Amino acid sequence: MKNLYIILLILPFVGFGQTEYIKEYYENGQLRTEGNLKDGKRVGFWKWYYENGQLIEEGNVKDEMKEGLWKWYYENGQLRTEGKIGKQGVREGLWKGYHENGQLVSEGNMKYGKREGFWKEYHENGQLEWEGNFKEGELISEKCWNENGKLLDCE
Protein backbone atom coordinates (compact mmCIF):
# COMPACT_ATOMS: atom_id res chain seq x y z
CA MET A 1 0.00 0.00 0.00
CA LYS A 2 2.89 2.39 0.71
CA ASN A 3 4.17 2.05 -2.91
CA LEU A 4 0.68 2.73 -4.28
CA TYR A 5 0.52 5.99 -2.29
CA ILE A 6 3.86 7.19 -3.78
CA ILE A 7 2.69 6.39 -7.31
CA LEU A 8 -0.50 8.37 -6.81
CA LEU A 9 1.50 11.41 -5.66
CA ILE A 10 3.80 11.26 -8.70
CA LEU A 11 1.16 10.69 -11.38
CA PRO A 12 -0.43 14.16 -11.24
CA PHE A 13 2.99 15.72 -12.03
CA VAL A 14 3.89 13.56 -15.05
CA GLY A 15 4.39 15.89 -18.03
CA PHE A 16 5.03 18.98 -15.91
CA GLY A 17 8.34 20.58 -16.94
CA GLN A 18 8.88 18.04 -19.72
CA THR A 19 10.95 19.03 -22.74
CA GLU A 20 9.80 17.80 -26.12
CA TYR A 21 11.71 18.02 -29.42
CA ILE A 22 9.50 19.14 -32.30
CA LYS A 23 9.80 19.54 -36.07
CA GLU A 24 7.49 21.54 -38.33
CA TYR A 25 7.38 21.14 -42.11
CA TYR A 26 6.47 23.21 -45.18
CA GLU A 27 3.68 21.94 -47.45
CA ASN A 28 6.37 20.66 -49.85
CA GLY A 29 7.68 18.35 -47.11
CA GLN A 30 10.85 20.34 -46.35
CA LEU A 31 11.72 20.93 -42.71
CA ARG A 32 10.62 24.43 -41.61
CA THR A 33 11.78 24.57 -37.98
CA GLU A 34 13.05 22.33 -35.21
CA GLY A 35 13.77 22.73 -31.55
CA ASN A 36 12.65 22.08 -27.99
CA LEU A 37 9.45 23.03 -26.27
CA LYS A 38 9.14 23.08 -22.52
CA ASP A 39 5.67 23.61 -21.10
CA GLY A 40 4.61 24.74 -24.60
CA LYS A 41 7.34 27.41 -24.91
CA ARG A 42 10.47 27.45 -27.08
CA VAL A 43 13.67 26.76 -25.15
CA GLY A 44 17.22 25.76 -26.02
CA PHE A 45 18.70 25.50 -29.50
CA TRP A 46 16.37 26.21 -32.46
CA LYS A 47 16.77 26.18 -36.24
CA TRP A 48 14.60 27.69 -39.01
CA TYR A 49 14.92 26.70 -42.68
CA TYR A 50 14.11 28.10 -46.13
CA GLU A 51 11.76 26.03 -48.29
CA ASN A 52 14.82 24.82 -50.23
CA GLY A 53 16.18 23.16 -47.07
CA GLN A 54 18.94 25.68 -46.32
CA LEU A 55 19.18 27.22 -42.85
CA ILE A 56 17.67 30.69 -42.31
CA GLU A 57 18.79 31.13 -38.71
CA GLU A 58 19.89 29.20 -35.65
CA GLY A 59 20.49 29.94 -32.01
CA ASN A 60 19.33 29.62 -28.43
CA VAL A 61 15.96 30.64 -27.09
CA LYS A 62 15.27 31.43 -23.44
CA ASP A 63 11.88 32.56 -22.13
CA GLU A 64 10.58 32.71 -25.74
CA MET A 65 13.33 35.22 -26.67
CA LYS A 66 16.51 34.86 -28.70
CA GLU A 67 19.55 34.86 -26.42
CA GLY A 68 23.24 34.03 -26.85
CA LEU A 69 25.04 33.46 -30.17
CA TRP A 70 22.78 33.62 -33.24
CA LYS A 71 23.56 33.06 -36.90
CA TRP A 72 21.55 34.04 -40.00
CA TYR A 73 22.13 32.65 -43.50
CA TYR A 74 21.49 33.54 -47.13
CA GLU A 75 19.26 31.21 -49.11
CA ASN A 76 22.36 29.75 -50.78
CA GLY A 77 23.59 28.55 -47.36
CA GLN A 78 26.30 31.21 -46.96
CA LEU A 79 26.56 32.83 -43.51
CA ARG A 80 24.93 36.31 -43.54
CA THR A 81 25.21 37.64 -39.95
CA GLU A 82 26.39 36.40 -36.57
CA GLY A 83 26.31 37.96 -33.16
CA LYS A 84 25.29 37.71 -29.54
CA ILE A 85 21.87 38.64 -28.26
CA GLY A 86 21.67 39.56 -24.59
CA LYS A 87 18.76 39.85 -22.20
CA GLN A 88 15.50 41.29 -23.57
CA GLY A 89 16.70 40.61 -27.13
CA VAL A 90 19.35 43.37 -27.14
CA ARG A 91 22.40 42.98 -29.37
CA GLU A 92 25.66 42.79 -27.40
CA GLY A 93 29.35 42.22 -28.17
CA LEU A 94 30.96 41.49 -31.53
CA TRP A 95 28.71 41.37 -34.61
CA LYS A 96 29.79 40.38 -38.10
CA GLY A 97 28.00 40.52 -41.43
CA TYR A 98 29.01 38.85 -44.68
CA HIS A 99 28.44 39.42 -48.39
CA GLU A 100 26.69 36.60 -50.22
CA ASN A 101 30.09 35.62 -51.68
CA GLY A 102 31.41 34.94 -48.15
CA GLN A 103 33.54 38.09 -47.83
CA LEU A 104 33.19 40.09 -44.62
CA VAL A 105 30.82 43.05 -45.10
CA SER A 106 30.86 44.57 -41.59
CA GLU A 107 32.16 44.04 -38.08
CA GLY A 108 31.91 45.89 -34.82
CA ASN A 109 30.74 45.86 -31.24
CA MET A 110 27.31 46.48 -29.84
CA LYS A 111 26.57 47.70 -26.34
CA TYR A 112 23.00 47.87 -25.04
CA GLY A 113 21.79 47.45 -28.64
CA LYS A 114 23.82 50.39 -30.01
CA ARG A 115 27.04 50.54 -32.00
CA GLU A 116 30.07 51.15 -29.79
CA GLY A 117 33.71 51.75 -30.73
CA PHE A 118 35.13 51.09 -34.19
CA TRP A 119 32.98 49.59 -36.92
CA LYS A 120 34.28 48.55 -40.31
CA GLU A 121 32.52 47.83 -43.59
CA TYR A 122 34.07 46.17 -46.61
CA HIS A 123 33.58 46.09 -50.38
CA GLU A 124 32.72 42.70 -51.92
CA ASN A 125 36.36 42.37 -53.01
CA GLY A 126 37.48 42.50 -49.35
CA GLN A 127 38.84 46.08 -49.45
CA LEU A 128 37.96 48.32 -46.51
CA GLU A 129 35.09 50.64 -47.55
CA TRP A 130 34.22 52.54 -44.39
CA GLU A 131 35.38 52.87 -40.81
CA GLY A 132 33.40 54.66 -38.14
CA ASN A 133 33.92 55.30 -34.45
CA PHE A 134 30.80 55.24 -32.28
CA LYS A 135 30.08 56.30 -28.72
CA GLU A 136 26.72 55.23 -27.24
CA GLY A 137 25.36 54.71 -30.75
CA GLU A 138 26.43 58.12 -32.10
CA LEU A 139 28.95 58.41 -34.94
CA ILE A 140 32.01 60.37 -33.74
CA SER A 141 34.31 60.06 -36.76
CA GLU A 142 34.51 58.18 -40.06
CA LYS A 143 36.75 57.41 -43.06
CA CYS A 144 35.82 56.01 -46.48
CA TRP A 145 37.72 54.19 -49.26
CA ASN A 146 36.95 53.09 -52.79
CA GLU A 147 37.25 49.47 -54.02
CA ASN A 148 40.95 50.06 -54.82
CA GLY A 149 41.81 51.34 -51.34
CA LYS A 150 41.92 55.07 -52.20
CA LEU A 151 40.78 57.34 -49.33
CA LEU A 152 37.60 59.26 -50.20
CA ASP A 153 35.34 61.88 -48.64
CA CYS A 154 32.46 60.20 -46.80
CA GLU A 155 29.39 61.76 -48.43
C-alpha atoms as a PDB file:
ATOM      1  CA  MET A   1       0.000   0.000   0.000  1.00  0.00           C
ATOM      2  CA  LYS A   2       2.891   2.392   0.710  1.00  0.00           C
ATOM      3  CA  ASN A   3       4.170   2.049  -2.910  1.00  0.00           C
ATOM      4  CA  LEU A   4       0.681   2.731  -4.277  1.00  0.00           C
ATOM      5  CA  TYR A   5       0.522   5.989  -2.290  1.00  0.00           C
ATOM      6  CA  ILE A   6       3.857   7.188  -3.784  1.00  0.00           C
ATOM      7  CA  ILE A   7       2.687   6.387  -7.312  1.00  0.00           C
ATOM      8  CA  LEU A   8      -0.497   8.369  -6.814  1.00  0.00           C
ATOM      9  CA  LEU A   9       1.500  11.408  -5.664  1.00  0.00           C
ATOM     10  CA  ILE A  10       3.799  11.262  -8.697  1.00  0.00           C
ATOM     11  CA  LEU A  11       1.159  10.693 -11.384  1.00  0.00           C
ATOM     12  CA  PRO A  12      -0.434  14.160 -11.241  1.00  0.00           C
ATOM     13  CA  PHE A  13       2.990  15.720 -12.030  1.00  0.00           C
ATOM     14  CA  VAL A  14       3.887  13.556 -15.049  1.00  0.00           C
ATOM     15  CA  GLY A  15       4.386  15.892 -18.031  1.00  0.00           C
ATOM     16  CA  PHE A  16       5.031  18.985 -15.912  1.00  0.00           C
ATOM     17  CA  GLY A  17       8.340  20.580 -16.940  1.00  0.00           C
ATOM     18  CA  GLN A  18       8.883  18.043 -19.722  1.00  0.00           C
ATOM     19  CA  THR A  19      10.948  19.033 -22.737  1.00  0.00           C
ATOM     20  CA  GLU A  20       9.805  17.803 -26.120  1.00  0.00           C
ATOM     21  CA  TYR A  21      11.711  18.017 -29.417  1.00  0.00           C
ATOM     22  CA  ILE A  22       9.495  19.139 -32.298  1.00  0.00           C
ATOM     23  CA  LYS A  23       9.801  19.537 -36.070  1.00  0.00           C
ATOM     24  CA  GLU A  24       7.493  21.541 -38.326  1.00  0.00           C
ATOM     25  CA  TYR A  25       7.384  21.143 -42.113  1.00  0.00           C
ATOM     26  CA  TYR A  26       6.467  23.215 -45.176  1.00  0.00           C
ATOM     27  CA  GLU A  27       3.684  21.943 -47.447  1.00  0.00           C
ATOM     28  CA  ASN A  28       6.372  20.664 -49.847  1.00  0.00           C
ATOM     29  CA  GLY A  29       7.680  18.354 -47.106  1.00  0.00           C
ATOM     30  CA  GLN A  30      10.848  20.342 -46.347  1.00  0.00           C
ATOM     31  CA  LEU A  31      11.720  20.928 -42.706  1.00  0.00           C
ATOM     32  CA  ARG A  32      10.616  24.433 -41.607  1.00  0.00           C
ATOM     33  CA  THR A  33      11.780  24.574 -37.984  1.00  0.00           C
ATOM     34  CA  GLU A  34      13.050  22.325 -35.212  1.00  0.00           C
ATOM     35  CA  GLY A  35      13.768  22.727 -31.548  1.00  0.00           C
ATOM     36  CA  ASN A  36      12.654  22.079 -27.994  1.00  0.00           C
ATOM     37  CA  LEU A  37       9.446  23.027 -26.270  1.00  0.00           C
ATOM     38  CA  LYS A  38       9.138  23.078 -22.517  1.00  0.00           C
ATOM     39  CA  ASP A  39       5.665  23.615 -21.104  1.00  0.00           C
ATOM     40  CA  GLY A  40       4.611  24.738 -24.602  1.00  0.00           C
ATOM     41  CA  LYS A  41       7.336  27.409 -24.908  1.00  0.00           C
ATOM     42  CA  ARG A  42      10.472  27.451 -27.080  1.00  0.00           C
ATOM     43  CA  VAL A  43      13.666  26.757 -25.149  1.00  0.00           C
ATOM     44  CA  GLY A  44      17.219  25.763 -26.020  1.00  0.00           C
ATOM     45  CA  PHE A  45      18.695  25.502 -29.504  1.00  0.00           C
ATOM     46  CA  TRP A  46      16.374  26.213 -32.463  1.00  0.00           C
ATOM     47  CA  LYS A  47      16.771  26.179 -36.242  1.00  0.00           C
ATOM     48  CA  TRP A  48      14.599  27.689 -39.013  1.00  0.00           C
ATOM     49  CA  TYR A  49      14.921  26.700 -42.675  1.00  0.00           C
ATOM     50  CA  TYR A  50      14.112  28.096 -46.126  1.00  0.00           C
ATOM     51  CA  GLU A  51      11.763  26.027 -48.293  1.00  0.00           C
ATOM     52  CA  ASN A  52      14.818  24.820 -50.234  1.00  0.00           C
ATOM     53  CA  GLY A  53      16.180  23.159 -47.070  1.00  0.00           C
ATOM     54  CA  GLN A  54      18.945  25.678 -46.323  1.00  0.00           C
ATOM     55  CA  LEU A  55      19.177  27.219 -42.848  1.00  0.00           C
ATOM     56  CA  ILE A  56      17.665  30.690 -42.311  1.00  0.00           C
ATOM     57  CA  GLU A  57      18.788  31.133 -38.712  1.00  0.00           C
ATOM     58  CA  GLU A  58      19.888  29.203 -35.652  1.00  0.00           C
ATOM     59  CA  GLY A  59      20.488  29.938 -32.008  1.00  0.00           C
ATOM     60  CA  ASN A  60      19.330  29.619 -28.427  1.00  0.00           C
ATOM     61  CA  VAL A  61      15.957  30.642 -27.089  1.00  0.00           C
ATOM     62  CA  LYS A  62      15.266  31.430 -23.441  1.00  0.00           C
ATOM     63  CA  ASP A  63      11.885  32.557 -22.132  1.00  0.00           C
ATOM     64  CA  GLU A  64      10.582  32.714 -25.740  1.00  0.00           C
ATOM     65  CA  MET A  65      13.333  35.222 -26.670  1.00  0.00           C
ATOM     66  CA  LYS A  66      16.515  34.858 -28.699  1.00  0.00           C
ATOM     67  CA  GLU A  67      19.554  34.858 -26.424  1.00  0.00           C
ATOM     68  CA  GLY A  68      23.241  34.033 -26.847  1.00  0.00           C
ATOM     69  CA  LEU A  69      25.040  33.459 -30.165  1.00  0.00           C
ATOM     70  CA  TRP A  70      22.777  33.622 -33.240  1.00  0.00           C
ATOM     71  CA  LYS A  71      23.562  33.061 -36.902  1.00  0.00           C
ATOM     72  CA  TRP A  72      21.547  34.038 -39.995  1.00  0.00           C
ATOM     73  CA  TYR A  73      22.125  32.650 -43.497  1.00  0.00           C
ATOM     74  CA  TYR A  74      21.490  33.542 -47.131  1.00  0.00           C
ATOM     75  CA  GLU A  75      19.259  31.207 -49.110  1.00  0.00           C
ATOM     76  CA  ASN A  76      22.359  29.754 -50.778  1.00  0.00           C
ATOM     77  CA  GLY A  77      23.588  28.554 -47.361  1.00  0.00           C
ATOM     78  CA  GLN A  78      26.297  31.213 -46.955  1.00  0.00           C
ATOM     79  CA  LEU A  79      26.556  32.831 -43.509  1.00  0.00           C
ATOM     80  CA  ARG A  80      24.934  36.313 -43.542  1.00  0.00           C
ATOM     81  CA  THR A  81      25.209  37.636 -39.950  1.00  0.00           C
ATOM     82  CA  GLU A  82      26.386  36.397 -36.570  1.00  0.00           C
ATOM     83  CA  GLY A  83      26.308  37.957 -33.155  1.00  0.00           C
ATOM     84  CA  LYS A  84      25.285  37.706 -29.541  1.00  0.00           C
ATOM     85  CA  ILE A  85      21.871  38.638 -28.256  1.00  0.00           C
ATOM     86  CA  GLY A  86      21.669  39.558 -24.591  1.00  0.00           C
ATOM     87  CA  LYS A  87      18.759  39.854 -22.197  1.00  0.00           C
ATOM     88  CA  GLN A  88      15.501  41.287 -23.568  1.00  0.00           C
ATOM     89  CA  GLY A  89      16.698  40.612 -27.128  1.00  0.00           C
ATOM     90  CA  VAL A  90      19.347  43.367 -27.136  1.00  0.00           C
ATOM     91  CA  ARG A  91      22.404  42.978 -29.370  1.00  0.00           C
ATOM     92  CA  GLU A  92      25.661  42.789 -27.404  1.00  0.00           C
ATOM     93  CA  GLY A  93      29.346  42.218 -28.168  1.00  0.00           C
ATOM     94  CA  LEU A  94      30.956  41.494 -31.533  1.00  0.00           C
ATOM     95  CA  TRP A  95      28.710  41.374 -34.607  1.00  0.00           C
ATOM     96  CA  LYS A  96      29.790  40.378 -38.099  1.00  0.00           C
ATOM     97  CA  GLY A  97      28.004  40.522 -41.434  1.00  0.00           C
ATOM     98  CA  TYR A  98      29.011  38.846 -44.676  1.00  0.00           C
ATOM     99  CA  HIS A  99      28.443  39.420 -48.389  1.00  0.00           C
ATOM    100  CA  GLU A 100      26.694  36.597 -50.217  1.00  0.00           C
ATOM    101  CA  ASN A 101      30.094  35.619 -51.676  1.00  0.00           C
ATOM    102  CA  GLY A 102      31.411  34.937 -48.150  1.00  0.00           C
ATOM    103  CA  GLN A 103      33.540  38.085 -47.825  1.00  0.00           C
ATOM    104  CA  LEU A 104      33.193  40.089 -44.618  1.00  0.00           C
ATOM    105  CA  VAL A 105      30.819  43.054 -45.099  1.00  0.00           C
ATOM    106  CA  SER A 106      30.861  44.568 -41.593  1.00  0.00           C
ATOM    107  CA  GLU A 107      32.158  44.036 -38.082  1.00  0.00           C
ATOM    108  CA  GLY A 108      31.912  45.894 -34.824  1.00  0.00           C
ATOM    109  CA  ASN A 109      30.740  45.856 -31.239  1.00  0.00           C
ATOM    110  CA  MET A 110      27.305  46.478 -29.839  1.00  0.00           C
ATOM    111  CA  LYS A 111      26.575  47.702 -26.335  1.00  0.00           C
ATOM    112  CA  TYR A 112      22.999  47.872 -25.036  1.00  0.00           C
ATOM    113  CA  GLY A 113      21.795  47.446 -28.640  1.00  0.00           C
ATOM    114  CA  LYS A 114      23.816  50.387 -30.008  1.00  0.00           C
ATOM    115  CA  ARG A 115      27.042  50.539 -32.004  1.00  0.00           C
ATOM    116  CA  GLU A 116      30.068  51.148 -29.793  1.00  0.00           C
ATOM    117  CA  GLY A 117      33.709  51.753 -30.728  1.00  0.00           C
ATOM    118  CA  PHE A 118      35.129  51.090 -34.189  1.00  0.00           C
ATOM    119  CA  TRP A 119      32.977  49.587 -36.921  1.00  0.00           C
ATOM    120  CA  LYS A 120      34.279  48.546 -40.312  1.00  0.00           C
ATOM    121  CA  GLU A 121      32.517  47.830 -43.595  1.00  0.00           C
ATOM    122  CA  TYR A 122      34.071  46.165 -46.613  1.00  0.00           C
ATOM    123  CA  HIS A 123      33.582  46.094 -50.377  1.00  0.00           C
ATOM    124  CA  GLU A 124      32.718  42.704 -51.916  1.00  0.00           C
ATOM    125  CA  ASN A 125      36.364  42.369 -53.009  1.00  0.00           C
ATOM    126  CA  GLY A 126      37.475  42.505 -49.351  1.00  0.00           C
ATOM    127  CA  GLN A 127      38.841  46.078 -49.450  1.00  0.00           C
ATOM    128  CA  LEU A 128      37.960  48.322 -46.508  1.00  0.00           C
ATOM    129  CA  GLU A 129      35.094  50.643 -47.555  1.00  0.00           C
ATOM    130  CA  TRP A 130      34.217  52.538 -44.385  1.00  0.00           C
ATOM    131  CA  GLU A 131      35.378  52.866 -40.806  1.00  0.00           C
ATOM    132  CA  GLY A 132      33.402  54.658 -38.137  1.00  0.00           C
ATOM    133  CA  ASN A 133      33.924  55.303 -34.446  1.00  0.00           C
ATOM    134  CA  PHE A 134      30.797  55.239 -32.276  1.00  0.00           C
ATOM    135  CA  LYS A 135      30.076  56.297 -28.716  1.00  0.00           C
ATOM    136  CA  GLU A 136      26.722  55.235 -27.243  1.00  0.00           C
ATOM    137  CA  GLY A 137      25.357  54.712 -30.753  1.00  0.00           C
ATOM    138  CA  GLU A 138      26.428  58.125 -32.101  1.00  0.00           C
ATOM    139  CA  LEU A 139      28.945  58.407 -34.940  1.00  0.00           C
ATOM    140  CA  ILE A 140      32.014  60.366 -33.742  1.00  0.00           C
ATOM    141  CA  SER A 141      34.305  60.060 -36.760  1.00  0.00           C
ATOM    142  CA  GLU A 142      34.515  58.177 -40.064  1.00  0.00           C
ATOM    143  CA  LYS A 143      36.755  57.409 -43.062  1.00  0.00           C
ATOM    144  CA  CYS A 144      35.821  56.011 -46.485  1.00  0.00           C
ATOM    145  CA  TRP A 145      37.723  54.191 -49.256  1.00  0.00           C
ATOM    146  CA  ASN A 146      36.949  53.088 -52.792  1.00  0.00           C
ATOM    147  CA  GLU A 147      37.250  49.466 -54.019  1.00  0.00           C
ATOM    148  CA  ASN A 148      40.946  50.058 -54.820  1.00  0.00           C
ATOM    149  CA  GLY A 149      41.807  51.336 -51.340  1.00  0.00           C
ATOM    150  CA  LYS A 150      41.916  55.067 -52.204  1.00  0.00           C
ATOM    151  CA  LEU A 151      40.784  57.344 -49.335  1.00  0.00           C
ATOM    152  CA  LEU A 152      37.599  59.265 -50.198  1.00  0.00           C
ATOM    153  CA  ASP A 153      35.337  61.884 -48.642  1.00  0.00           C
ATOM    154  CA  CYS A 154      32.460  60.199 -46.799  1.00  0.00           C
ATOM    155  CA  GLU A 155      29.388  61.759 -48.427  1.00  0.00           C
END
